[in-house]
Amino acid sequence: MEHVKKALIIPFVLLCMSLQAQPGWNWGEQIDLAKEKNALYVDMLKAGRYLEAIPPHNWLLENTPDLNESLYQNGAKIYESLAETEKDEVKLAEYQAKAMDMYDLRIKYFGNEAYVLNRKVFPAYKYYKGDKSRYKELLDMFNKAFELNGTDFYTANLAAYMDVVRRYKLTGGEISDEEVITVYSNITDVLDARMSENPGQTEKIAATIEQMFTGTIDLTCERVENIFGPKFEQSPDVKLAKKIFQLMLTGKCTDRPLAFDAAKVVNENEPSFGIAKFLGIRAAQDGDLATALSFYNQAIELTDENIKKAEIHMNIARLEATKGNKVAARSSAKMSYALDPSNKEAYSLIGHLYMGSFDECKRGEQKTMDYALFIAAHKMFSIAGDSENMAKAKALFPSIEDIFSDGYKEGQTLQVGCWINETVTLERRP
């Protein structure tokens, strides 16, 4: 009979224990007292009575260190809140150290190191950025947090990371220029990935980081070439190419061959409008017009934005004009204007093409017909709102004597021939 009683009692005791337990909570041996201490410190925390929260919180730290992750989350809140208002330097340092301990103990008992370090580094930066003796510690902390989190590294931490590098480097810390460049490159990679999420804020952060970076090392074009050129020549992978191109942009070195070569590798692996546009401009500057046209056409295919398409069509128009392909240049200029009517320069370019065709198009039979070309040019400048060149074109209209002697009348319609093929209304020069 005794064994039957035991068989009934044991399940009952286990049931009572299970009713007292909560998922994710380890109350230890003194369950009721632990619950009382937990409720007390949480109430004090919610009421903003942080000093009164410390004794029950400390009891839990000593007796139930693996109670629940919230023990360390709330502990950080307690000590960070106290540090915000503390004026006494000794007490301030104590609260800051305790806040940092909360993050470390949280990792010790509950793991999730990447996430917790991601949260720890910013208050650490805030506390220790003015203390030169802590810069190495800060840099190691940020390096580890970034290594563990990668693209999940908080945006708010990025500028702090660059500033830690800057402070450490400028106060004589043992960090090479190449290491500084690597951190900067890693940070900008994360920012680039987030640009679409909040462009305005991200661009501001990027500008701040770039300013800190350029104030940390003397980023000359030669330095970038010397550090990365040999590596790129040996192994031109896209990750290295992106880093080089970003540095060339920052250092205003985009006229260097290495920038062009790096951009080509990026374009081959991760084509984008901006890179294709850059390659087109560079090829045009180098006189390789066929290659430039190829990259410009690629850029057009890589965007759905009319403004961007218009910009590239205008570049093509200038390129074709340089090659002497006036009909193609006019066609591209008109396409640019159709996509972006605010681009008045398109018709100004056409006006210049007409003005520059006088010797090519004149027949030498009637001045009125030959000089009517300038009326066509004036018409283009008028659409562009280019008053200066309108006046220049108008000064070259046929004279009233030429109109009369050639048997024409002002106001009649004329067809300007040659490649221009424009219908104009005959006017005399002023």
Protein backbone atom coordinates (compact mmCIF):
# COMPACT_ATOMS: atom_id res chain seq x y z
CA MET A 1 0.00 0.00 0.00
CA GLU A 2 2.92 2.28 0.82
CA HIS A 3 4.29 2.02 -2.68
CA VAL A 4 0.89 3.03 -4.04
CA LYS A 5 0.92 6.24 -1.94
CA LYS A 6 4.39 7.10 -3.23
CA ALA A 7 3.27 6.50 -6.77
CA LEU A 8 0.47 9.05 -6.23
CA ILE A 9 2.53 11.62 -4.30
CA ILE A 10 5.47 11.89 -6.72
CA PRO A 11 3.37 12.90 -9.76
CA PHE A 12 1.50 15.39 -7.54
CA VAL A 13 4.77 17.05 -6.44
CA LEU A 14 5.98 17.21 -10.03
CA LEU A 15 2.69 18.79 -11.05
CA CYS A 16 3.02 21.48 -8.37
CA MET A 17 6.58 22.22 -9.47
CA SER A 18 5.49 22.54 -13.08
CA LEU A 19 2.76 24.98 -12.10
CA GLN A 20 5.38 27.17 -10.38
CA ALA A 21 7.80 27.08 -13.33
CA GLN A 22 7.56 29.31 -16.38
CA PRO A 23 9.00 28.60 -19.81
CA GLY A 24 12.38 30.32 -20.22
CA TRP A 25 12.72 31.12 -16.54
CA ASN A 26 15.05 29.39 -14.05
CA TRP A 27 13.99 30.52 -10.59
CA GLY A 28 16.61 28.49 -8.72
CA GLU A 29 16.02 26.89 -5.33
CA GLN A 30 14.31 29.87 -3.69
CA ILE A 31 11.49 30.24 -6.15
CA ASP A 32 9.18 32.48 -4.15
CA LEU A 33 11.97 34.83 -3.04
CA ALA A 34 13.37 35.01 -6.54
CA LYS A 35 9.94 35.91 -7.92
CA GLU A 36 9.56 38.55 -5.22
CA LYS A 37 12.97 40.10 -6.02
CA ASN A 38 12.22 40.02 -9.75
CA ALA A 39 8.86 41.75 -9.33
CA LEU A 40 10.40 44.35 -7.01
CA TYR A 41 13.28 45.38 -9.27
CA VAL A 42 11.06 45.42 -12.37
CA ASP A 43 8.57 47.71 -10.60
CA MET A 44 11.42 50.03 -9.56
CA LEU A 45 12.76 50.06 -13.13
CA LYS A 46 9.36 50.94 -14.58
CA ALA A 47 8.98 53.75 -12.04
CA GLY A 48 12.40 55.17 -12.91
CA ARG A 49 13.69 54.44 -9.40
CA TYR A 50 16.91 52.94 -10.67
CA LEU A 51 18.96 53.02 -7.44
CA GLU A 52 16.20 51.17 -5.60
CA ALA A 53 16.17 48.56 -8.36
CA ILE A 54 19.82 47.66 -7.77
CA PRO A 55 19.60 45.63 -4.48
CA PRO A 56 16.91 43.14 -5.65
CA HIS A 57 18.56 43.01 -9.06
CA ASN A 58 21.94 42.22 -7.46
CA TRP A 59 20.35 39.46 -5.40
CA LEU A 60 19.11 37.83 -8.59
CA LEU A 61 22.51 38.22 -10.25
CA GLU A 62 24.15 36.40 -7.33
CA ASN A 63 21.54 33.70 -6.75
CA THR A 64 19.90 33.12 -10.14
CA PRO A 65 22.39 34.31 -12.80
CA ASP A 66 20.65 32.22 -15.46
CA LEU A 67 17.17 33.38 -14.45
CA ASN A 68 16.17 34.88 -17.79
CA GLU A 69 17.77 37.01 -20.50
CA SER A 70 15.65 39.96 -19.37
CA LEU A 71 17.73 40.10 -16.18
CA TYR A 72 20.62 41.48 -18.25
CA GLN A 73 18.52 43.47 -20.69
CA ASN A 74 16.92 45.31 -17.79
CA GLY A 75 20.23 45.52 -15.96
CA ALA A 76 21.73 47.41 -18.90
CA LYS A 77 18.75 49.78 -18.83
CA ILE A 78 19.24 50.44 -15.10
CA TYR A 79 22.92 51.31 -15.31
CA GLU A 80 22.73 53.16 -18.64
CA SER A 81 19.92 55.30 -17.22
CA LEU A 82 21.94 56.07 -14.09
CA ALA A 83 24.99 56.93 -16.20
CA GLU A 84 23.01 59.44 -18.25
CA THR A 85 22.42 61.72 -15.26
CA GLU A 86 25.37 60.98 -12.95
CA LYS A 87 27.76 63.91 -12.39
CA ASP A 88 30.22 62.26 -10.01
CA GLU A 89 33.05 60.84 -12.13
CA VAL A 90 33.70 57.85 -9.86
CA LYS A 91 30.05 56.84 -9.78
CA LEU A 92 29.72 57.48 -13.51
CA ALA A 93 32.60 55.12 -14.28
CA GLU A 94 31.05 52.52 -11.97
CA TYR A 95 27.67 52.67 -13.69
CA GLN A 96 29.23 52.54 -17.14
CA ALA A 97 31.30 49.49 -16.19
CA LYS A 98 28.23 47.76 -14.75
CA ALA A 99 26.28 48.48 -17.94
CA MET A 100 29.06 46.84 -19.98
CA ASP A 101 29.05 43.87 -17.57
CA MET A 102 25.38 43.30 -18.29
CA TYR A 103 26.12 42.71 -21.98
CA ASP A 104 29.02 40.38 -21.20
CA LEU A 105 27.01 38.35 -18.65
CA ARG A 106 24.13 38.12 -21.07
CA ILE A 107 26.46 36.53 -23.61
CA LYS A 108 27.94 34.24 -20.94
CA TYR A 109 24.61 32.82 -19.83
CA PHE A 110 22.45 33.13 -22.93
CA GLY A 111 24.81 33.30 -25.90
CA ASN A 112 23.65 35.13 -29.05
CA GLU A 113 26.98 36.97 -29.07
CA ALA A 114 26.54 38.65 -32.47
CA TYR A 115 23.23 40.28 -31.54
CA VAL A 116 24.35 41.36 -28.06
CA LEU A 117 27.65 42.83 -29.28
CA ASN A 118 25.72 44.72 -31.94
CA ARG A 119 23.85 46.39 -29.08
CA LYS A 120 26.85 46.79 -26.78
CA VAL A 121 29.25 48.65 -29.07
CA PHE A 122 27.36 51.92 -29.29
CA PRO A 123 27.05 52.62 -25.53
CA ALA A 124 30.69 51.48 -25.22
CA TYR A 125 31.65 54.04 -27.88
CA LYS A 126 29.62 56.72 -26.13
CA TYR A 127 31.30 56.00 -22.79
CA TYR A 128 34.90 55.57 -23.91
CA LYS A 129 35.39 57.68 -27.06
CA GLY A 130 37.09 60.38 -25.00
CA ASP A 131 39.46 57.96 -23.26
CA LYS A 132 42.57 57.25 -25.34
CA SER A 133 43.48 54.28 -23.14
CA ARG A 134 40.28 52.47 -24.21
CA TYR A 135 40.64 52.94 -27.99
CA LYS A 136 42.30 49.56 -28.61
CA GLU A 137 39.61 47.84 -26.55
CA LEU A 138 36.91 49.71 -28.45
CA LEU A 139 38.41 48.87 -31.83
CA ASP A 140 38.66 45.17 -30.97
CA MET A 141 35.04 45.22 -29.82
CA PHE A 142 33.82 46.90 -33.00
CA ASN A 143 35.92 44.61 -35.21
CA LYS A 144 34.45 41.54 -33.56
CA ALA A 145 30.88 42.87 -33.67
CA PHE A 146 31.24 43.68 -37.36
CA GLU A 147 32.84 40.32 -38.12
CA LEU A 148 29.96 38.49 -36.42
CA ASN A 149 27.16 40.61 -37.86
CA GLY A 150 28.35 41.61 -41.33
CA THR A 151 25.50 43.24 -43.23
CA ASP A 152 23.33 43.05 -40.07
CA PHE A 153 25.63 45.52 -38.30
CA TYR A 154 23.39 48.35 -37.10
CA THR A 155 23.40 51.50 -39.21
CA ALA A 156 23.76 53.60 -36.05
CA ASN A 157 27.05 51.80 -35.30
CA LEU A 158 28.71 52.47 -38.67
CA ALA A 159 29.78 56.08 -38.09
CA ALA A 160 30.90 55.17 -34.57
CA TYR A 161 33.04 52.35 -35.99
CA MET A 162 34.77 54.71 -38.41
CA ASP A 163 35.30 57.25 -35.63
CA VAL A 164 36.89 54.64 -33.38
CA VAL A 165 39.32 53.79 -36.20
CA ARG A 166 40.00 57.50 -36.75
CA ARG A 167 40.67 58.22 -33.08
CA TYR A 168 42.89 55.17 -32.66
CA LYS A 169 44.92 55.94 -35.78
CA LEU A 170 45.37 59.65 -35.06
CA THR A 171 46.51 59.00 -31.46
CA GLY A 172 49.29 56.68 -32.58
CA GLY A 173 47.44 53.35 -32.49
CA GLU A 174 49.00 50.40 -34.29
CA ILE A 175 46.74 50.21 -37.32
CA SER A 176 48.00 50.38 -40.90
CA ASP A 177 46.59 52.53 -43.67
CA GLU A 178 45.48 49.35 -45.42
CA GLU A 179 43.53 48.25 -42.34
CA VAL A 180 41.86 51.67 -42.18
CA ILE A 181 40.93 51.36 -45.84
CA THR A 182 39.54 47.85 -45.27
CA VAL A 183 37.28 49.04 -42.45
CA TYR A 184 36.09 51.98 -44.54
CA SER A 185 35.41 49.70 -47.48
CA ASN A 186 33.45 47.22 -45.33
CA ILE A 187 31.38 50.03 -43.84
CA THR A 188 30.54 51.52 -47.22
CA ASP A 189 29.54 48.08 -48.51
CA VAL A 190 26.90 47.90 -45.75
CA LEU A 191 25.74 51.45 -46.45
CA ASP A 192 25.42 50.73 -50.17
CA ALA A 193 23.25 47.71 -49.40
CA ARG A 194 20.95 49.89 -47.29
CA MET A 195 20.77 52.91 -49.57
CA SER A 196 17.33 51.95 -50.89
CA GLU A 197 15.85 51.61 -47.37
CA ASN A 198 16.32 55.23 -46.30
CA PRO A 199 18.32 57.15 -48.94
CA GLY A 200 18.31 60.53 -47.17
CA GLN A 201 19.58 59.26 -43.83
CA THR A 202 22.02 56.81 -45.42
CA GLU A 203 23.56 59.51 -47.63
CA LYS A 204 24.13 61.74 -44.57
CA ILE A 205 25.82 58.91 -42.70
CA ALA A 206 27.90 58.08 -45.78
CA ALA A 207 29.05 61.71 -46.05
CA THR A 208 30.05 61.76 -42.37
CA ILE A 209 31.96 58.51 -42.70
CA GLU A 210 33.75 59.70 -45.83
CA GLN A 211 34.79 62.90 -44.06
CA MET A 212 36.19 60.92 -41.12
CA PHE A 213 37.96 58.51 -43.45
CA THR A 214 39.68 61.20 -45.50
CA GLY A 215 40.71 62.87 -42.25
CA THR A 216 42.32 59.67 -40.99
CA ILE A 217 44.81 58.90 -43.75
CA ASP A 218 46.23 60.80 -46.69
CA LEU A 219 44.33 58.99 -49.43
CA THR A 220 46.38 59.75 -52.51
CA CYS A 221 45.75 58.09 -55.84
CA GLU A 222 49.26 56.67 -55.75
CA ARG A 223 48.63 55.09 -52.35
CA VAL A 224 45.50 53.32 -53.52
CA GLU A 225 47.32 52.13 -56.64
CA ASN A 226 50.35 50.92 -54.67
CA ILE A 227 48.28 49.07 -52.07
CA PHE A 228 45.66 47.51 -54.32
CA GLY A 229 47.08 47.62 -57.85
CA PRO A 230 49.34 44.55 -57.54
CA LYS A 231 46.62 42.55 -55.76
CA PHE A 232 44.08 43.44 -58.43
CA GLU A 233 46.47 42.56 -61.23
CA GLN A 234 47.06 39.18 -59.64
CA SER A 235 43.42 38.44 -58.80
CA PRO A 236 40.84 40.84 -60.28
CA ASP A 237 37.84 39.60 -58.31
CA VAL A 238 34.69 41.69 -58.03
CA LYS A 239 34.92 42.31 -54.27
CA LEU A 240 38.37 43.84 -54.62
CA ALA A 241 37.27 45.73 -57.74
CA LYS A 242 34.38 47.32 -55.82
CA LYS A 243 36.69 48.34 -53.02
CA ILE A 244 39.18 49.91 -55.44
CA PHE A 245 36.47 51.77 -57.35
CA GLN A 246 34.96 53.17 -54.15
CA LEU A 247 38.37 54.37 -53.00
CA MET A 248 39.08 55.91 -56.39
CA LEU A 249 35.80 57.81 -56.18
CA THR A 250 36.57 58.99 -52.67
CA GLY A 251 40.10 60.04 -53.59
CA LYS A 252 38.92 61.71 -56.82
CA CYS A 253 41.11 59.36 -58.84
CA THR A 254 38.57 58.27 -61.43
CA ASP A 255 40.82 59.41 -64.26
CA ARG A 256 43.32 56.66 -63.40
CA PRO A 257 43.50 53.45 -65.47
CA LEU A 258 43.00 51.36 -62.31
CA ALA A 259 39.61 53.00 -61.71
CA PHE A 260 38.51 52.13 -65.24
CA ASP A 261 39.79 48.56 -64.99
CA ALA A 262 38.13 48.02 -61.61
CA ALA A 263 34.84 49.46 -62.88
CA LYS A 264 34.89 47.07 -65.84
CA VAL A 265 35.21 44.07 -63.52
CA VAL A 266 32.36 45.35 -61.37
CA ASN A 267 30.26 45.93 -64.49
CA GLU A 268 30.92 42.42 -65.77
CA ASN A 269 29.75 40.88 -62.49
CA GLU A 270 27.21 43.35 -61.12
CA PRO A 271 26.15 45.69 -63.94
CA SER A 272 24.45 48.91 -62.91
CA PHE A 273 23.42 52.17 -64.53
CA GLY A 274 26.01 54.20 -62.60
CA ILE A 275 28.95 51.98 -63.46
CA ALA A 276 27.99 51.67 -67.14
CA LYS A 277 27.58 55.45 -67.34
CA PHE A 278 31.00 55.99 -65.76
CA LEU A 279 32.63 53.55 -68.17
CA GLY A 280 30.96 55.29 -71.11
CA ILE A 281 32.19 58.71 -69.99
CA ARG A 282 35.72 57.44 -69.40
CA ALA A 283 35.89 55.66 -72.75
CA ALA A 284 34.66 58.83 -74.49
CA GLN A 285 37.33 60.89 -72.69
CA ASP A 286 39.96 58.41 -73.87
CA GLY A 287 38.74 58.77 -77.44
CA ASP A 288 37.40 55.22 -77.66
CA LEU A 289 34.03 56.29 -79.02
CA ALA A 290 32.84 52.84 -80.08
CA THR A 291 33.40 51.46 -76.56
CA ALA A 292 31.76 54.54 -75.06
CA LEU A 293 28.67 54.05 -77.21
CA SER A 294 28.48 50.41 -76.14
CA PHE A 295 28.55 51.33 -72.43
CA TYR A 296 26.03 54.16 -72.95
CA ASN A 297 23.59 51.77 -74.63
CA GLN A 298 24.06 49.34 -71.74
CA ALA A 299 23.34 52.11 -69.23
CA ILE A 300 20.06 52.91 -70.98
CA GLU A 301 19.03 49.26 -70.67
CA LEU A 302 19.85 49.24 -66.96
CA THR A 303 17.40 51.94 -65.87
CA ASP A 304 13.68 52.57 -66.09
CA GLU A 305 14.02 56.24 -65.13
CA ASN A 306 13.41 58.65 -68.01
CA ILE A 307 15.64 61.33 -66.50
CA LYS A 308 18.59 58.94 -66.45
CA LYS A 309 17.84 57.69 -69.96
CA ALA A 310 17.68 61.30 -71.16
CA GLU A 311 21.08 62.02 -69.62
CA ILE A 312 22.66 59.11 -71.50
CA HIS A 313 20.97 59.98 -74.80
CA MET A 314 22.46 63.47 -74.41
CA ASN A 315 25.90 61.93 -73.87
CA ILE A 316 25.40 59.87 -77.01
CA ALA A 317 24.36 63.00 -78.92
CA ARG A 318 27.61 64.74 -77.93
CA LEU A 319 29.58 61.64 -78.83
CA GLU A 320 27.96 61.38 -82.26
CA ALA A 321 28.57 65.08 -82.82
CA THR A 322 32.25 64.55 -82.02
CA LYS A 323 32.35 61.76 -84.59
CA GLY A 324 30.69 64.06 -87.14
CA ASN A 325 27.52 61.95 -87.27
CA LYS A 326 25.19 64.93 -87.23
CA VAL A 327 21.98 63.11 -88.10
CA ALA A 328 22.59 60.55 -85.33
CA ALA A 329 23.54 63.35 -82.92
CA ARG A 330 20.30 65.20 -83.66
CA SER A 331 18.26 62.03 -83.24
CA SER A 332 19.78 61.29 -79.82
CA ALA A 333 19.34 64.91 -78.71
CA LYS A 334 15.65 64.82 -79.66
CA MET A 335 15.24 61.52 -77.82
CA SER A 336 16.81 63.09 -74.73
CA TYR A 337 14.39 66.03 -74.89
CA ALA A 338 11.41 63.70 -75.38
CA LEU A 339 12.36 61.82 -72.22
CA ASP A 340 13.15 64.97 -70.24
CA PRO A 341 11.57 68.20 -71.60
CA SER A 342 13.50 70.20 -69.00
CA ASN A 343 16.70 69.36 -70.88
CA LYS A 344 16.83 72.46 -73.05
CA GLU A 345 20.47 71.79 -73.85
CA ALA A 346 19.33 69.13 -76.34
CA TYR A 347 17.95 71.70 -78.79
CA SER A 348 20.86 74.03 -78.17
CA LEU A 349 23.14 71.24 -79.34
CA ILE A 350 21.05 70.83 -82.49
CA GLY A 351 21.29 74.57 -83.08
CA HIS A 352 25.07 74.37 -82.92
CA LEU A 353 25.06 71.42 -85.32
CA TYR A 354 23.11 73.54 -87.80
CA MET A 355 25.35 76.57 -87.30
CA GLY A 356 28.41 74.46 -87.93
CA SER A 357 27.03 73.04 -91.19
CA PHE A 358 27.07 76.22 -93.30
CA ASP A 359 30.15 75.36 -95.31
CA GLU A 360 28.93 71.80 -95.76
CA CYS A 361 25.41 72.74 -96.86
CA LYS A 362 25.76 76.02 -98.82
CA ARG A 363 25.28 75.73 -102.58
CA GLY A 364 26.53 79.19 -103.51
CA GLU A 365 23.62 79.88 -105.84
CA GLN A 366 21.34 82.04 -103.69
CA LYS A 367 22.36 83.68 -100.46
CA THR A 368 18.78 83.60 -99.23
CA MET A 369 18.64 79.81 -99.41
CA ASP A 370 22.15 79.35 -98.06
CA TYR A 371 21.60 81.69 -95.10
CA ALA A 372 18.19 80.24 -94.34
CA LEU A 373 20.19 77.57 -92.51
CA PHE A 374 20.72 80.12 -89.72
CA ILE A 375 16.95 80.59 -89.44
CA ALA A 376 16.71 76.84 -88.79
CA ALA A 377 19.45 77.15 -86.16
CA HIS A 378 17.61 80.10 -84.56
CA LYS A 379 14.50 77.94 -84.37
CA MET A 380 16.41 75.29 -82.38
CA PHE A 381 17.99 77.86 -80.06
CA SER A 382 14.55 79.33 -79.51
CA ILE A 383 13.17 75.99 -78.31
CA ALA A 384 16.18 75.76 -75.99
CA GLY A 385 15.62 79.27 -74.66
CA ASP A 386 19.24 80.05 -75.59
CA SER A 387 18.95 83.80 -76.15
CA GLU A 388 22.67 84.38 -76.64
CA ASN A 389 22.91 81.96 -79.53
CA MET A 390 19.54 83.06 -80.90
CA ALA A 391 21.06 86.53 -81.33
CA LYS A 392 24.15 85.10 -83.03
CA ALA A 393 22.04 83.07 -85.45
CA LYS A 394 19.72 85.99 -86.20
CA ALA A 395 22.67 88.20 -87.11
CA LEU A 396 23.37 85.75 -89.95
CA PHE A 397 19.86 85.69 -91.43
CA PRO A 398 19.60 86.71 -95.11
CA SER A 399 19.68 90.47 -95.65
CA ILE A 400 16.63 92.23 -97.06
CA GLU A 401 18.65 92.99 -100.19
CA ASP A 402 19.46 89.30 -100.68
CA ILE A 403 15.83 88.33 -100.17
CA PHE A 404 14.67 90.92 -102.70
CA SER A 405 17.33 90.15 -105.32
CA ASP A 406 16.77 86.39 -105.01
CA GLY A 407 13.04 86.86 -105.63
CA TYR A 408 11.71 85.90 -102.19
CA LYS A 409 9.41 87.62 -99.71
CA GLU A 410 9.62 87.78 -95.92
CA GLY A 411 7.18 85.46 -94.25
CA GLN A 412 7.16 82.86 -96.96
CA THR A 413 8.04 79.22 -96.20
CA LEU A 414 11.38 77.78 -97.23
CA GLN A 415 12.76 74.26 -97.07
CA VAL A 416 16.35 74.10 -95.80
CA GLY A 417 17.95 71.13 -97.50
CA CYS A 418 21.20 69.24 -96.99
CA TRP A 419 21.05 66.87 -93.96
CA ILE A 420 19.03 69.46 -92.02
CA ASN A 421 15.68 69.17 -93.86
CA GLU A 422 13.87 71.83 -91.83
CA THR A 423 10.96 74.03 -92.89
CA VAL A 424 11.47 77.67 -91.85
CA THR A 425 9.69 81.02 -92.19
CA LEU A 426 11.86 83.51 -94.05
CA GLU A 427 13.07 86.47 -91.98
CA ARG A 428 15.70 89.12 -92.60
CA ARG A 429 18.63 89.88 -90.34
CA PRO A 430 18.22 92.88 -87.97
